[in-house]
Amino acid sequence: MEKKEILDIYDINKRKTGKTFIRGEGVLYDDEFVIGVQAIIINSKKEILISKRSSLKEIFPSMWECNGGALLAGEEVVDGIVREIDEELGIKLDSSKAIYLKTTKDNHRFKEIYLFEKDEDIKDLKFIDKEVVDAKWVSIDEFVYMFNKKEIVPNVDFTKEDYEKCLILLSK
């Protein structure tokens, strides 16, 4: 039996409303939002880690993405990112090394995007929850090329300008 994800509902100012939402059930009102989380993982070669979604995913099957998911009820943002990356890739990220990149907002979701610097051998990844079927390191040029060819999910919220900001943040 698939575990239901319970999410906190937030207002337009990103404050908890005290209500919750079961992911995939019902709809949110116009003034209700949930929080999504995403990790941008860059290695010492300045490559970006992307993963391929399972062909069984309802939304964007078999497309590449930067990993993330939904923030569960009661969870802190960085803890949610660390959990999602562990579930999807088997990578243990150090939450104290998270670097805030940006927040985006669309439809009924705020997305908190954090940067991590991590060297990880692809052959050591474990696709634990079966949402992910493959992963690879790519240069920013390859990432942009794949995005333009529509091989990367369209809501990735990561641009070449964001990549350049990441390099600056990592050099500090």
N, C-alpha and C. Protein backbone atom coordinates (compact mmCIF):
# COMPACT_ATOMS: atom_id res chain seq x y z
N MET A 1 0.84 -1.19 0.00
CA MET A 1 0.00 0.00 0.00
C MET A 1 0.89 1.25 0.00
N GLU A 2 0.58 2.18 -0.89
CA GLU A 2 1.37 3.40 -1.01
C GLU A 2 1.06 4.35 0.15
N LYS A 3 2.10 4.90 0.72
CA LYS A 3 1.97 5.81 1.85
C LYS A 3 1.48 7.17 1.35
N LYS A 4 0.46 7.72 2.03
CA LYS A 4 -0.05 9.03 1.66
C LYS A 4 0.84 10.11 2.25
N GLU A 5 1.12 11.13 1.43
CA GLU A 5 1.93 12.24 1.89
C GLU A 5 1.02 13.35 2.38
N ILE A 6 1.16 13.72 3.65
CA ILE A 6 0.38 14.80 4.23
C ILE A 6 1.25 16.05 4.24
N LEU A 7 0.73 17.12 3.63
CA LEU A 7 1.48 18.37 3.47
C LEU A 7 0.79 19.49 4.25
N ASP A 8 1.59 20.38 4.82
CA ASP A 8 1.03 21.58 5.43
C ASP A 8 0.54 22.51 4.33
N ILE A 9 -0.52 23.25 4.62
CA ILE A 9 -1.02 24.27 3.69
C ILE A 9 -0.54 25.63 4.20
N TYR A 10 -0.05 26.44 3.26
CA TYR A 10 0.48 27.76 3.56
C TYR A 10 -0.36 28.82 2.86
N ASP A 11 -0.29 30.08 3.37
CA ASP A 11 -0.98 31.19 2.71
C ASP A 11 -0.02 31.87 1.72
N ILE A 12 -0.48 32.93 1.10
CA ILE A 12 0.29 33.63 0.08
C ILE A 12 1.61 34.18 0.63
N ASN A 13 1.68 34.38 1.94
CA ASN A 13 2.89 34.90 2.59
C ASN A 13 3.77 33.79 3.14
N LYS A 14 3.48 32.56 2.76
CA LYS A 14 4.25 31.38 3.15
C LYS A 14 4.18 31.13 4.65
N ARG A 15 3.02 31.42 5.23
CA ARG A 15 2.77 31.12 6.64
C ARG A 15 1.83 29.92 6.71
N LYS A 16 2.11 29.01 7.65
CA LYS A 16 1.24 27.85 7.82
C LYS A 16 -0.16 28.30 8.21
N THR A 17 -1.16 27.65 7.61
CA THR A 17 -2.55 27.99 7.92
C THR A 17 -3.12 27.12 9.04
N GLY A 18 -2.43 26.05 9.37
CA GLY A 18 -2.96 25.11 10.36
C GLY A 18 -3.73 23.97 9.70
N LYS A 19 -3.90 24.06 8.38
CA LYS A 19 -4.59 23.00 7.65
C LYS A 19 -3.57 22.12 6.93
N THR A 20 -4.00 20.92 6.58
CA THR A 20 -3.13 20.01 5.83
C THR A 20 -3.84 19.55 4.57
N PHE A 21 -3.07 18.93 3.69
CA PHE A 21 -3.53 18.49 2.38
C PHE A 21 -2.90 17.14 2.10
N ILE A 22 -3.68 16.20 1.62
CA ILE A 22 -3.13 14.91 1.23
C ILE A 22 -2.77 15.00 -0.25
N ARG A 23 -1.49 14.80 -0.53
CA ARG A 23 -0.99 14.93 -1.91
C ARG A 23 -1.75 13.98 -2.83
N GLY A 24 -2.22 14.54 -3.93
CA GLY A 24 -2.93 13.75 -4.93
C GLY A 24 -4.43 13.62 -4.68
N GLU A 25 -4.89 14.20 -3.59
CA GLU A 25 -6.33 14.13 -3.27
C GLU A 25 -6.87 15.54 -3.09
N GLY A 26 -7.99 15.82 -3.73
CA GLY A 26 -8.62 17.12 -3.56
C GLY A 26 -7.88 18.23 -4.29
N VAL A 27 -8.33 19.44 -4.03
CA VAL A 27 -7.72 20.62 -4.66
C VAL A 27 -7.47 21.68 -3.60
N LEU A 28 -6.54 22.55 -3.91
CA LEU A 28 -6.25 23.68 -3.04
C LEU A 28 -7.04 24.89 -3.52
N TYR A 29 -7.46 25.73 -2.59
CA TYR A 29 -8.13 26.98 -2.94
C TYR A 29 -7.10 27.96 -3.49
N ASP A 30 -7.61 29.04 -4.13
CA ASP A 30 -6.72 30.01 -4.77
C ASP A 30 -5.65 30.57 -3.84
N ASP A 31 -5.97 30.74 -2.57
CA ASP A 31 -5.04 31.35 -1.62
C ASP A 31 -4.29 30.32 -0.79
N GLU A 32 -4.26 29.06 -1.24
CA GLU A 32 -3.58 28.00 -0.51
C GLU A 32 -2.39 27.47 -1.32
N PHE A 33 -1.33 27.17 -0.60
CA PHE A 33 -0.09 26.72 -1.23
C PHE A 33 0.54 25.59 -0.42
N VAL A 34 1.33 24.77 -1.11
CA VAL A 34 2.18 23.78 -0.44
C VAL A 34 3.62 24.17 -0.78
N ILE A 35 4.55 23.50 -0.13
CA ILE A 35 5.96 23.81 -0.41
C ILE A 35 6.64 22.61 -1.05
N GLY A 36 7.28 22.89 -2.18
CA GLY A 36 8.11 21.90 -2.84
C GLY A 36 9.56 22.20 -2.52
N VAL A 37 10.40 21.19 -2.61
CA VAL A 37 11.83 21.36 -2.32
C VAL A 37 12.64 20.77 -3.47
N GLN A 38 13.78 21.37 -3.73
CA GLN A 38 14.63 20.89 -4.81
C GLN A 38 16.09 21.11 -4.44
N ALA A 39 16.91 20.13 -4.76
CA ALA A 39 18.35 20.23 -4.54
C ALA A 39 19.06 20.37 -5.87
N ILE A 40 19.94 21.34 -5.93
CA ILE A 40 20.87 21.45 -7.04
C ILE A 40 22.19 20.92 -6.49
N ILE A 41 22.64 19.80 -7.02
CA ILE A 41 23.86 19.17 -6.54
C ILE A 41 24.93 19.35 -7.60
N ILE A 42 26.04 19.97 -7.20
CA ILE A 42 27.14 20.25 -8.11
C ILE A 42 28.40 19.59 -7.54
N ASN A 43 29.14 18.91 -8.41
CA ASN A 43 30.37 18.24 -7.94
C ASN A 43 31.58 19.16 -8.10
N SER A 44 32.74 18.65 -7.71
CA SER A 44 33.97 19.45 -7.78
C SER A 44 34.40 19.76 -9.21
N LYS A 45 33.85 19.02 -10.18
CA LYS A 45 34.13 19.31 -11.59
C LYS A 45 33.16 20.36 -12.14
N LYS A 46 32.29 20.87 -11.27
CA LYS A 46 31.27 21.89 -11.61
C LYS A 46 30.16 21.31 -12.50
N GLU A 47 29.94 20.00 -12.39
CA GLU A 47 28.85 19.35 -13.13
C GLU A 47 27.61 19.27 -12.23
N ILE A 48 26.46 19.19 -12.87
CA ILE A 48 25.17 19.15 -12.19
C ILE A 48 24.66 17.72 -12.20
N LEU A 49 24.17 17.26 -11.06
CA LEU A 49 23.58 15.92 -10.99
C LEU A 49 22.12 16.00 -11.41
N ILE A 50 21.77 15.20 -12.42
CA ILE A 50 20.37 15.10 -12.83
C ILE A 50 19.97 13.63 -12.82
N SER A 51 18.69 13.41 -12.68
CA SER A 51 18.20 12.03 -12.65
C SER A 51 17.02 11.87 -13.61
N LYS A 52 16.83 10.64 -14.03
CA LYS A 52 15.76 10.33 -14.98
C LYS A 52 14.57 9.77 -14.23
N ARG A 53 13.41 10.35 -14.45
CA ARG A 53 12.18 9.91 -13.82
C ARG A 53 11.72 8.58 -14.42
N SER A 54 11.09 7.78 -13.62
CA SER A 54 10.56 6.50 -14.07
C SER A 54 9.54 6.71 -15.18
N SER A 55 9.44 5.75 -16.07
CA SER A 55 8.43 5.81 -17.14
C SER A 55 7.02 5.63 -16.56
N LEU A 56 6.92 5.19 -15.31
CA LEU A 56 5.63 4.98 -14.66
C LEU A 56 5.09 6.24 -13.98
N LYS A 57 5.89 7.30 -13.93
CA LYS A 57 5.43 8.55 -13.31
C LYS A 57 4.31 9.14 -14.15
N GLU A 58 3.27 9.64 -13.48
CA GLU A 58 2.14 10.24 -14.19
C GLU A 58 2.53 11.54 -14.88
N ILE A 59 3.36 12.32 -14.21
CA ILE A 59 3.76 13.62 -14.74
C ILE A 59 5.22 13.54 -15.19
N PHE A 60 5.48 13.95 -16.40
CA PHE A 60 6.83 13.99 -16.99
C PHE A 60 7.56 12.65 -16.91
N PRO A 61 6.93 11.56 -17.36
CA PRO A 61 7.62 10.25 -17.32
C PRO A 61 8.86 10.26 -18.21
N SER A 62 9.90 9.57 -17.77
CA SER A 62 11.15 9.37 -18.52
C SER A 62 11.90 10.65 -18.85
N MET A 63 11.61 11.73 -18.14
CA MET A 63 12.33 12.99 -18.36
C MET A 63 13.38 13.16 -17.26
N TRP A 64 14.37 13.98 -17.55
CA TRP A 64 15.45 14.26 -16.60
C TRP A 64 15.08 15.46 -15.73
N GLU A 65 15.64 15.50 -14.51
CA GLU A 65 15.33 16.59 -13.59
C GLU A 65 16.42 16.74 -12.53
N CYS A 66 16.35 17.85 -11.81
CA CYS A 66 17.10 18.02 -10.57
C CYS A 66 16.16 17.52 -9.48
N ASN A 67 16.65 16.75 -8.56
CA ASN A 67 15.79 16.04 -7.62
C ASN A 67 15.17 16.92 -6.55
N GLY A 68 14.02 16.48 -6.12
CA GLY A 68 13.30 17.17 -5.06
C GLY A 68 11.96 16.50 -4.84
N GLY A 69 11.06 17.22 -4.21
CA GLY A 69 9.74 16.66 -3.93
C GLY A 69 8.93 17.62 -3.10
N ALA A 70 8.07 17.06 -2.27
CA ALA A 70 7.18 17.87 -1.45
C ALA A 70 7.64 17.89 0.00
N LEU A 71 7.47 19.03 0.64
CA LEU A 71 7.76 19.17 2.05
C LEU A 71 6.60 18.57 2.83
N LEU A 72 6.88 17.61 3.68
CA LEU A 72 5.84 16.94 4.46
C LEU A 72 5.42 17.82 5.64
N ALA A 73 4.21 17.57 6.14
CA ALA A 73 3.69 18.33 7.28
C ALA A 73 4.66 18.25 8.45
N GLY A 74 4.96 19.41 9.03
CA GLY A 74 5.84 19.49 10.19
C GLY A 74 7.32 19.45 9.88
N GLU A 75 7.68 19.29 8.63
CA GLU A 75 9.08 19.14 8.24
C GLU A 75 9.71 20.50 7.95
N GLU A 76 10.98 20.65 8.28
CA GLU A 76 11.73 21.86 7.92
C GLU A 76 12.23 21.69 6.48
N VAL A 77 12.42 22.81 5.78
CA VAL A 77 12.77 22.78 4.36
C VAL A 77 14.02 21.94 4.08
N VAL A 78 15.12 22.23 4.72
CA VAL A 78 16.36 21.51 4.42
C VAL A 78 16.22 20.03 4.77
N ASP A 79 15.52 19.72 5.86
CA ASP A 79 15.28 18.31 6.21
C ASP A 79 14.49 17.61 5.10
N GLY A 80 13.53 18.31 4.50
CA GLY A 80 12.75 17.74 3.41
C GLY A 80 13.60 17.45 2.19
N ILE A 81 14.51 18.36 1.88
CA ILE A 81 15.41 18.15 0.74
C ILE A 81 16.30 16.95 0.99
N VAL A 82 16.90 16.89 2.19
CA VAL A 82 17.79 15.79 2.54
C VAL A 82 17.03 14.46 2.46
N ARG A 83 15.80 14.42 2.97
CA ARG A 83 14.97 13.20 2.91
C ARG A 83 14.70 12.79 1.47
N GLU A 84 14.27 13.74 0.64
CA GLU A 84 13.94 13.43 -0.76
C GLU A 84 15.15 12.88 -1.51
N ILE A 85 16.31 13.48 -1.33
CA ILE A 85 17.51 13.02 -2.04
C ILE A 85 17.91 11.63 -1.57
N ASP A 86 17.76 11.36 -0.30
CA ASP A 86 18.05 10.02 0.22
C ASP A 86 17.06 9.00 -0.35
N GLU A 87 15.76 9.35 -0.37
CA GLU A 87 14.74 8.43 -0.90
C GLU A 87 14.94 8.15 -2.39
N GLU A 88 15.26 9.18 -3.15
CA GLU A 88 15.32 9.03 -4.60
C GLU A 88 16.66 8.53 -5.12
N LEU A 89 17.76 8.91 -4.45
CA LEU A 89 19.09 8.59 -4.97
C LEU A 89 19.98 7.82 -3.99
N GLY A 90 19.55 7.72 -2.75
CA GLY A 90 20.38 7.05 -1.75
C GLY A 90 21.58 7.87 -1.34
N ILE A 91 21.56 9.17 -1.60
CA ILE A 91 22.66 10.07 -1.24
C ILE A 91 22.35 10.70 0.11
N LYS A 92 23.33 10.66 1.00
CA LYS A 92 23.21 11.29 2.31
C LYS A 92 23.81 12.69 2.21
N LEU A 93 22.95 13.70 2.20
CA LEU A 93 23.44 15.08 2.18
C LEU A 93 23.57 15.58 3.61
N ASP A 94 24.52 16.46 3.82
CA ASP A 94 24.73 17.10 5.12
C ASP A 94 23.90 18.38 5.14
N SER A 95 22.87 18.42 5.98
CA SER A 95 21.98 19.58 6.01
C SER A 95 22.71 20.86 6.40
N SER A 96 23.80 20.74 7.14
CA SER A 96 24.54 21.94 7.53
C SER A 96 25.30 22.55 6.36
N LYS A 97 25.40 21.83 5.25
CA LYS A 97 26.12 22.32 4.06
C LYS A 97 25.16 22.88 3.01
N ALA A 98 23.87 22.93 3.33
CA ALA A 98 22.88 23.45 2.38
C ALA A 98 23.08 24.95 2.20
N ILE A 99 23.03 25.39 0.96
CA ILE A 99 23.17 26.81 0.63
C ILE A 99 21.88 27.25 -0.08
N TYR A 100 21.19 28.22 0.50
CA TYR A 100 19.95 28.72 -0.11
C TYR A 100 20.25 29.32 -1.49
N LEU A 101 19.46 28.93 -2.48
CA LEU A 101 19.62 29.48 -3.83
C LEU A 101 18.48 30.45 -4.15
N LYS A 102 17.23 29.96 -4.06
CA LYS A 102 16.10 30.85 -4.36
C LYS A 102 14.78 30.15 -4.03
N THR A 103 13.72 30.95 -4.06
CA THR A 103 12.35 30.45 -3.90
C THR A 103 11.58 30.87 -5.13
N THR A 104 10.81 29.93 -5.68
CA THR A 104 9.93 30.26 -6.81
C THR A 104 8.49 30.00 -6.37
N LYS A 105 7.55 30.53 -7.14
CA LYS A 105 6.13 30.32 -6.83
C LYS A 105 5.39 30.11 -8.14
N ASP A 106 4.59 29.06 -8.20
CA ASP A 106 3.71 28.85 -9.35
C ASP A 106 2.44 28.15 -8.86
N ASN A 107 1.38 28.35 -9.56
CA ASN A 107 0.09 27.74 -9.20
C ASN A 107 -0.10 27.72 -7.69
N HIS A 108 -0.04 26.58 -7.09
CA HIS A 108 -0.28 26.44 -5.65
C HIS A 108 0.95 25.94 -4.92
N ARG A 109 2.13 26.34 -5.39
CA ARG A 109 3.35 25.81 -4.78
C ARG A 109 4.45 26.86 -4.71
N PHE A 110 5.05 26.93 -3.53
CA PHE A 110 6.33 27.61 -3.39
C PHE A 110 7.37 26.52 -3.55
N LYS A 111 8.46 26.80 -4.23
CA LYS A 111 9.55 25.82 -4.34
C LYS A 111 10.80 26.42 -3.74
N GLU A 112 11.32 25.74 -2.71
CA GLU A 112 12.55 26.15 -2.05
C GLU A 112 13.71 25.38 -2.68
N ILE A 113 14.65 26.11 -3.24
CA ILE A 113 15.76 25.49 -3.97
C ILE A 113 17.07 25.77 -3.23
N TYR A 114 17.76 24.69 -2.91
CA TYR A 114 19.03 24.78 -2.19
C TYR A 114 20.14 24.10 -3.00
N LEU A 115 21.33 24.58 -2.77
CA LEU A 115 22.53 24.10 -3.45
C LEU A 115 23.34 23.24 -2.49
N PHE A 116 23.88 22.15 -3.02
CA PHE A 116 24.80 21.29 -2.28
C PHE A 116 25.99 20.99 -3.17
N GLU A 117 27.17 20.99 -2.58
CA GLU A 117 28.36 20.55 -3.31
C GLU A 117 28.67 19.14 -2.83
N LYS A 118 28.72 18.19 -3.77
CA LYS A 118 28.90 16.79 -3.38
C LYS A 118 29.50 16.03 -4.55
N ASP A 119 30.53 15.26 -4.26
CA ASP A 119 31.07 14.33 -5.25
C ASP A 119 30.48 12.97 -4.93
N GLU A 120 29.84 12.39 -5.90
CA GLU A 120 29.18 11.08 -5.71
C GLU A 120 29.35 10.29 -7.00
N ASP A 121 29.81 9.07 -6.87
CA ASP A 121 29.96 8.21 -8.03
C ASP A 121 28.58 7.69 -8.43
N ILE A 122 28.22 7.85 -9.68
CA ILE A 122 26.91 7.42 -10.17
C ILE A 122 26.65 5.95 -9.86
N LYS A 123 27.68 5.12 -9.97
CA LYS A 123 27.47 3.68 -9.74
C LYS A 123 27.12 3.37 -8.28
N ASP A 124 27.34 4.33 -7.37
CA ASP A 124 27.02 4.12 -5.96
C ASP A 124 25.60 4.55 -5.60
N LEU A 125 24.89 5.16 -6.55
CA LEU A 125 23.53 5.63 -6.25
C LEU A 125 22.57 4.44 -6.11
N LYS A 126 21.57 4.64 -5.27
CA LYS A 126 20.55 3.61 -5.04
C LYS A 126 19.18 4.25 -5.26
N PHE A 127 18.49 3.76 -6.24
CA PHE A 127 17.18 4.31 -6.57
C PHE A 127 16.13 3.62 -5.70
N ILE A 128 16.07 4.04 -4.44
CA ILE A 128 15.33 3.37 -3.40
C ILE A 128 13.82 3.34 -3.65
N ASP A 129 13.24 4.50 -3.95
CA ASP A 129 11.77 4.54 -4.06
C ASP A 129 11.25 4.28 -5.47
N LYS A 130 12.13 3.96 -6.40
CA LYS A 130 11.78 3.61 -7.78
C LYS A 130 11.16 4.78 -8.57
N GLU A 131 11.23 6.00 -8.03
CA GLU A 131 10.79 7.17 -8.78
C GLU A 131 11.83 7.55 -9.82
N VAL A 132 13.08 7.18 -9.54
CA VAL A 132 14.22 7.51 -10.39
C VAL A 132 14.79 6.21 -10.95
N VAL A 133 15.19 6.23 -12.23
CA VAL A 133 15.72 5.02 -12.86
C VAL A 133 17.16 5.18 -13.36
N ASP A 134 17.66 6.42 -13.39
CA ASP A 134 19.01 6.65 -13.88
C ASP A 134 19.46 8.03 -13.38
N ALA A 135 20.75 8.27 -13.42
CA ALA A 135 21.29 9.57 -13.03
C ALA A 135 22.60 9.79 -13.76
N LYS A 136 22.97 11.05 -13.92
CA LYS A 136 24.25 11.36 -14.54
C LYS A 136 24.67 12.78 -14.18
N TRP A 137 25.96 13.01 -14.30
CA TRP A 137 26.53 14.35 -14.14
C TRP A 137 26.60 15.00 -15.51
N VAL A 138 26.18 16.27 -15.61
CA VAL A 138 26.23 16.99 -16.88
C VAL A 138 26.83 18.38 -16.68
N SER A 139 27.43 18.88 -17.73
CA SER A 139 27.91 20.27 -17.71
C SER A 139 26.69 21.19 -17.86
N ILE A 140 26.89 22.46 -17.57
CA ILE A 140 25.78 23.39 -17.74
C ILE A 140 25.38 23.49 -19.21
N ASP A 141 26.33 23.38 -20.12
CA ASP A 141 25.99 23.44 -21.55
C ASP A 141 25.13 22.25 -21.95
N GLU A 142 25.47 21.06 -21.45
CA GLU A 142 24.66 19.88 -21.75
C GLU A 142 23.28 20.01 -21.12
N PHE A 143 23.22 20.55 -19.91
CA PHE A 143 21.94 20.77 -19.23
C PHE A 143 21.04 21.67 -20.08
N VAL A 144 21.58 22.80 -20.52
CA VAL A 144 20.81 23.75 -21.35
C VAL A 144 20.39 23.09 -22.66
N TYR A 145 21.29 22.35 -23.28
CA TYR A 145 20.98 21.64 -24.53
C TYR A 145 19.83 20.66 -24.31
N MET A 146 19.90 19.88 -23.23
CA MET A 146 18.84 18.90 -22.93
C MET A 146 17.51 19.60 -22.63
N PHE A 147 17.59 20.73 -21.93
CA PHE A 147 16.37 21.49 -21.63
C PHE A 147 15.73 22.00 -22.92
N ASN A 148 16.54 22.54 -23.82
CA ASN A 148 16.02 23.05 -25.09
C ASN A 148 15.46 21.94 -25.98
N LYS A 149 15.98 20.72 -25.82
CA LYS A 149 15.45 19.57 -26.56
C LYS A 149 14.25 18.94 -25.86
N LYS A 150 13.81 19.56 -24.75
CA LYS A 150 12.66 19.09 -23.97
C LYS A 150 12.89 17.71 -23.35
N GLU A 151 14.14 17.44 -22.96
CA GLU A 151 14.48 16.20 -22.27
C GLU A 151 14.45 16.39 -20.75
N ILE A 152 14.43 17.65 -20.32
CA ILE A 152 14.40 17.98 -18.90
C ILE A 152 13.02 18.54 -18.58
N VAL A 153 12.49 18.19 -17.40
CA VAL A 153 11.15 18.65 -17.03
C VAL A 153 11.06 20.16 -17.17
N PRO A 154 9.96 20.66 -17.71
CA PRO A 154 9.86 22.10 -17.98
C PRO A 154 9.79 22.97 -16.73
N ASN A 155 9.44 22.40 -15.59
CA ASN A 155 9.33 23.21 -14.37
C ASN A 155 10.57 23.10 -13.49
N VAL A 156 11.73 22.88 -14.09
CA VAL A 156 12.96 22.65 -13.34
C VAL A 156 13.42 23.88 -12.54
N ASP A 157 13.08 25.08 -12.98
CA ASP A 157 13.44 26.32 -12.26
C ASP A 157 14.93 26.45 -12.01
N PHE A 158 15.75 26.10 -12.99
CA PHE A 158 17.20 26.23 -12.88
C PHE A 158 17.73 26.67 -14.23
N THR A 159 18.40 27.81 -14.25
CA THR A 159 18.88 28.40 -15.49
C THR A 159 20.41 28.52 -15.48
N LYS A 160 20.94 28.94 -16.60
CA LYS A 160 22.39 29.17 -16.68
C LYS A 160 22.81 30.27 -15.70
N GLU A 161 21.96 31.27 -15.52
CA GLU A 161 22.24 32.35 -14.56
C GLU A 161 22.27 31.78 -13.14
N ASP A 162 21.35 30.86 -12.83
CA ASP A 162 21.35 30.21 -11.51
C ASP A 162 22.64 29.41 -11.32
N TYR A 163 23.07 28.74 -12.37
CA TYR A 163 24.31 27.96 -12.31
C TYR A 163 25.49 28.87 -11.98
N GLU A 164 25.55 30.01 -12.65
CA GLU A 164 26.64 30.95 -12.39
C GLU A 164 26.58 31.46 -10.96
N LYS A 165 25.37 31.69 -10.43
CA LYS A 165 25.22 32.08 -9.04
C LYS A 165 25.72 30.97 -8.12
N CYS A 166 25.43 29.72 -8.48
CA CYS A 166 25.89 28.57 -7.69
C CYS A 166 27.41 28.55 -7.60
N LEU A 167 28.08 28.79 -8.72
CA LEU A 167 29.54 28.79 -8.72
C LEU A 167 30.11 29.87 -7.81
N ILE A 168 29.46 31.02 -7.81
CA ILE A 168 29.88 32.12 -6.91
C ILE A 168 29.67 31.70 -5.46
N LEU A 169 28.50 31.15 -5.16
CA LEU A 169 28.20 30.73 -3.79
C LEU A 169 29.18 29.65 -3.31
N LEU A 170 29.55 28.74 -4.19
CA LEU A 170 30.46 27.66 -3.81
C LEU A 170 31.89 28.14 -3.62
N SER A 171 32.23 29.26 -4.24
CA SER A 171 33.60 29.77 -4.13
C SER A 171 33.82 30.54 -2.84
N LYS A 172 32.76 30.82 -2.11
CA LYS A 172 32.88 31.61 -0.86
C LYS A 172 33.34 30.74 0.29
